[in-house]
């Protein structure tokens, strides 16, 4: 029975891992001029091949005044999808700079790869040089939306190269494997406590 308090402490320690977590992808370390792909796989997030990282280099600068100054997400085609394997809920937010009005440019979907039910969508207004002109993408606006249900993907579509994105924020649910492993660990602690009693 001495181990029951230890099991309770283990459960309390596991609580934050089992709770929804706010994730912000800032693209600061994403590869530049290359697909972001599995760069955020440790967070359960992957990107389609048309979602590229973009960092300023000697040929630039390409953007300025982004919320995270070193890197942004840049789209080059229709397969610029962000997939979240375990899903996310309640809300999505991001900053963007767009060189044109792009209707339904960003959409949140219940299934992976932009499938299933449409849960939220955004039009992008032409704002890339609103009040500035030092780079092609020098003004970033923040937008957000709430939605009902569990989402698994975000599509960044519309005109290729029209927009850059930064600080994509979601409320991620814990991955099922994490919950399962925590359950097994707690069950093992409880079993050990019973055997010693």
Protein backbone atom coordinates (compact mmCIF):
# COMPACT_ATOMS: atom_id res chain seq x y z
CA UNK A 1 0.00 0.00 0.00
CA UNK A 2 3.02 2.27 0.33
CA UNK A 3 3.13 2.52 -3.44
CA UNK A 4 -0.40 3.88 -3.84
CA UNK A 5 0.73 7.44 -3.02
CA UNK A 6 3.49 7.01 -5.61
CA UNK A 7 0.90 5.87 -8.16
CA UNK A 8 -1.26 8.87 -7.35
CA UNK A 9 1.73 11.18 -7.77
CA UNK A 10 2.50 9.52 -11.12
CA UNK A 11 -1.08 10.14 -12.25
CA UNK A 12 -0.88 13.79 -11.20
CA UNK A 13 2.43 14.17 -13.03
CA UNK A 14 0.89 12.59 -16.13
CA UNK A 15 -2.03 15.03 -16.07
CA UNK A 16 -0.36 17.78 -18.12
CA UNK A 17 0.75 15.23 -20.74
CA UNK A 18 -2.84 14.04 -21.09
CA UNK A 19 -4.32 17.55 -21.38
CA UNK A 20 -4.80 19.47 -24.61
CA UNK A 21 -1.73 21.55 -25.44
CA UNK A 22 -1.43 24.84 -27.27
CA UNK A 23 1.10 24.47 -30.10
CA UNK A 24 2.54 27.40 -32.03
CA UNK A 25 4.54 26.58 -35.14
CA UNK A 26 6.86 29.53 -35.76
CA UNK A 27 8.90 28.06 -38.67
CA UNK A 28 12.11 29.48 -37.20
CA UNK A 29 14.02 26.22 -37.76
CA UNK A 30 12.16 24.90 -40.83
CA UNK A 31 14.37 24.31 -43.88
CA UNK A 32 14.37 27.27 -46.27
CA UNK A 33 13.23 26.78 -49.88
CA UNK A 34 12.42 23.14 -49.06
CA UNK A 35 9.31 21.27 -47.98
CA UNK A 36 8.67 21.49 -44.25
CA UNK A 37 7.49 17.86 -44.52
CA UNK A 38 8.18 15.98 -41.29
CA UNK A 39 10.16 18.77 -39.60
CA UNK A 40 7.54 18.92 -36.81
CA UNK A 41 6.93 15.14 -36.63
CA UNK A 42 7.86 15.08 -32.93
CA UNK A 43 4.79 17.27 -32.35
CA UNK A 44 2.56 14.99 -34.46
CA UNK A 45 2.43 17.55 -37.29
CA UNK A 46 3.41 17.06 -40.95
CA UNK A 47 3.15 19.18 -44.10
CA UNK A 48 2.47 18.49 -47.77
CA UNK A 49 5.25 19.06 -50.34
CA UNK A 50 3.98 22.52 -51.40
CA UNK A 51 4.38 23.95 -47.87
CA UNK A 52 7.91 25.36 -47.76
CA UNK A 53 9.94 27.04 -45.11
CA UNK A 54 11.30 30.44 -46.08
CA UNK A 55 14.17 32.29 -44.42
CA UNK A 56 15.80 35.51 -45.52
CA UNK A 57 19.20 35.01 -47.18
CA UNK A 58 21.75 36.95 -49.24
CA UNK A 59 19.34 36.97 -52.23
CA UNK A 60 16.56 38.41 -50.05
CA UNK A 61 15.17 39.71 -47.88
CA UNK A 62 11.81 38.20 -48.78
CA UNK A 63 9.84 39.20 -45.69
CA UNK A 64 10.09 41.53 -42.71
CA UNK A 65 8.11 42.29 -39.54
CA UNK A 66 6.92 38.69 -39.18
CA UNK A 67 5.92 37.72 -35.62
CA UNK A 68 8.81 35.22 -35.59
CA UNK A 69 11.62 36.96 -37.45
CA UNK A 70 13.72 34.07 -38.81
CA UNK A 71 11.30 31.95 -40.81
CA UNK A 72 7.79 31.73 -42.29
CA UNK A 73 5.64 29.20 -44.13
CA UNK A 74 5.40 29.85 -47.87
CA UNK A 75 3.06 28.02 -50.24
CA UNK A 76 3.93 27.08 -53.82
CA UNK A 77 0.97 24.96 -54.90
CA UNK A 78 -2.21 23.14 -54.01
CA UNK A 79 -0.61 20.54 -51.70
CA UNK A 80 0.29 22.91 -48.88
CA UNK A 81 -1.56 20.97 -46.19
CA UNK A 82 -0.76 20.78 -42.49
CA UNK A 83 -1.82 17.44 -40.96
CA UNK A 84 -2.17 16.85 -37.23
CA UNK A 85 -2.39 13.09 -36.65
CA UNK A 86 -4.06 13.18 -33.22
CA UNK A 87 -6.17 16.21 -34.10
CA UNK A 88 -6.80 19.66 -32.67
CA UNK A 89 -9.90 21.40 -31.41
CA UNK A 90 -11.69 24.63 -30.55
CA UNK A 91 -9.64 27.26 -32.40
CA UNK A 92 -6.94 28.08 -34.90
CA UNK A 93 -4.95 31.29 -35.33
CA UNK A 94 -2.15 32.45 -37.60
CA UNK A 95 -0.41 35.53 -38.93
CA UNK A 96 -0.23 36.14 -42.67
CA UNK A 97 0.91 38.52 -45.38
CA UNK A 98 -0.81 38.27 -48.76
CA UNK A 99 -0.09 40.03 -52.05
CA UNK A 100 -3.66 39.51 -53.29
CA UNK A 101 -7.21 38.89 -52.12
CA UNK A 102 -7.52 35.10 -51.92
CA UNK A 103 -11.01 33.73 -51.08
CA UNK A 104 -11.16 30.61 -48.89
CA UNK A 105 -7.36 30.51 -48.84
CA UNK A 106 -7.06 28.71 -45.50
CA UNK A 107 -9.47 25.97 -44.46
CA UNK A 108 -9.73 23.71 -41.42
CA UNK A 109 -10.94 20.14 -42.05
CA UNK A 110 -12.12 17.25 -39.90
CA UNK A 111 -10.05 14.70 -41.88
CA UNK A 112 -6.44 14.45 -42.91
CA UNK A 113 -5.22 16.03 -46.17
CA UNK A 114 -8.11 18.49 -46.43
CA UNK A 115 -10.82 15.83 -46.33
CA UNK A 116 -14.01 15.40 -44.36
CA UNK A 117 -16.14 18.23 -43.01
CA UNK A 118 -15.12 21.87 -43.46
CA UNK A 119 -14.92 23.33 -39.92
CA UNK A 120 -13.61 26.86 -40.58
CA UNK A 121 -12.23 28.92 -43.45
CA UNK A 122 -10.48 32.25 -44.01
CA UNK A 123 -10.30 34.74 -46.84
CA UNK A 124 -6.98 36.55 -47.13
CA UNK A 125 -7.05 40.25 -47.91
CA UNK A 126 -4.25 42.00 -49.78
CA UNK A 127 -2.18 43.25 -46.86
CA UNK A 128 1.46 42.35 -47.61
CA UNK A 129 2.58 45.95 -47.98
CA UNK A 130 -0.02 47.78 -45.94
CA UNK A 131 1.95 50.69 -44.50
CA UNK A 132 5.37 49.37 -45.57
CA UNK A 133 7.36 48.46 -48.69
CA UNK A 134 10.81 47.25 -47.63
CA UNK A 135 10.07 43.60 -48.66
CA UNK A 136 7.42 41.74 -50.66
CA UNK A 137 5.85 40.55 -47.37
CA UNK A 138 6.39 43.30 -44.82
CA UNK A 139 3.03 43.45 -43.03
CA UNK A 140 1.56 40.48 -41.14
CA UNK A 141 -1.97 40.46 -39.70
CA UNK A 142 -3.20 37.99 -37.07
CA UNK A 143 -6.51 36.17 -37.61
CA UNK A 144 -8.29 33.47 -35.62
CA UNK A 145 -11.46 31.43 -35.61
CA UNK A 146 -13.23 29.03 -33.32
CA UNK A 147 -14.90 25.88 -34.57
CA UNK A 148 -16.79 22.84 -33.32
CA UNK A 149 -15.49 19.32 -33.61
CA UNK A 150 -12.10 17.68 -33.93
CA UNK A 151 -9.93 18.87 -36.82
CA UNK A 152 -7.05 16.97 -38.42
CA UNK A 153 -5.80 19.26 -41.18
CA UNK A 154 -5.44 22.81 -42.46
CA UNK A 155 -5.14 23.55 -46.17
CA UNK A 156 -3.24 26.64 -47.30
CA UNK A 157 -4.55 26.96 -50.84
CA UNK A 158 -5.38 29.58 -53.39
CA UNK A 159 -2.83 31.41 -55.49
CA UNK A 160 0.64 29.87 -55.26
CA UNK A 161 3.22 32.24 -53.74
CA UNK A 162 0.51 34.78 -52.86
CA UNK A 163 0.94 34.49 -49.10
CA UNK A 164 3.37 33.83 -46.28
CA UNK A 165 2.24 32.52 -42.89
CA UNK A 166 3.71 32.60 -39.40
CA UNK A 167 2.91 31.47 -35.86
CA UNK A 168 0.19 28.93 -36.68
CA UNK A 169 -1.44 28.17 -33.31
CA UNK A 170 -3.68 25.20 -32.53
CA UNK A 171 -4.94 23.35 -29.45
CA UNK A 172 -3.60 19.84 -29.99
CA UNK A 173 -5.15 16.82 -28.30
CA UNK A 174 -2.78 14.24 -26.80
CA UNK A 175 -1.77 11.43 -29.12
CA UNK A 176 -3.57 8.12 -28.39
CA UNK A 177 -0.24 6.34 -27.88
CA UNK A 178 0.68 8.80 -25.11
CA UNK A 179 -2.61 8.20 -23.34
CA UNK A 180 -2.23 4.43 -23.76
CA UNK A 181 1.34 4.41 -22.42
CA UNK A 182 0.32 6.50 -19.41
CA UNK A 183 -2.55 4.10 -18.72
CA UNK A 184 -0.22 1.09 -18.90
CA UNK A 185 2.28 2.79 -16.59
CA UNK A 186 -0.38 3.60 -14.01
CA UNK A 187 -1.81 0.07 -14.24
CA UNK A 188 1.68 -1.32 -13.63
CA UNK A 189 2.12 0.87 -10.56
CA UNK A 190 -1.24 -0.20 -9.19
CA UNK A 191 -0.42 -3.89 -9.80
CA UNK A 192 2.93 -3.52 -8.04
CA UNK A 193 1.22 -1.86 -5.09
CA UNK A 194 -1.28 -4.70 -4.77
CA UNK A 195 1.42 -7.36 -4.91
CA UNK A 196 3.40 -5.70 -2.14
CA UNK A 197 0.33 -5.27 0.07
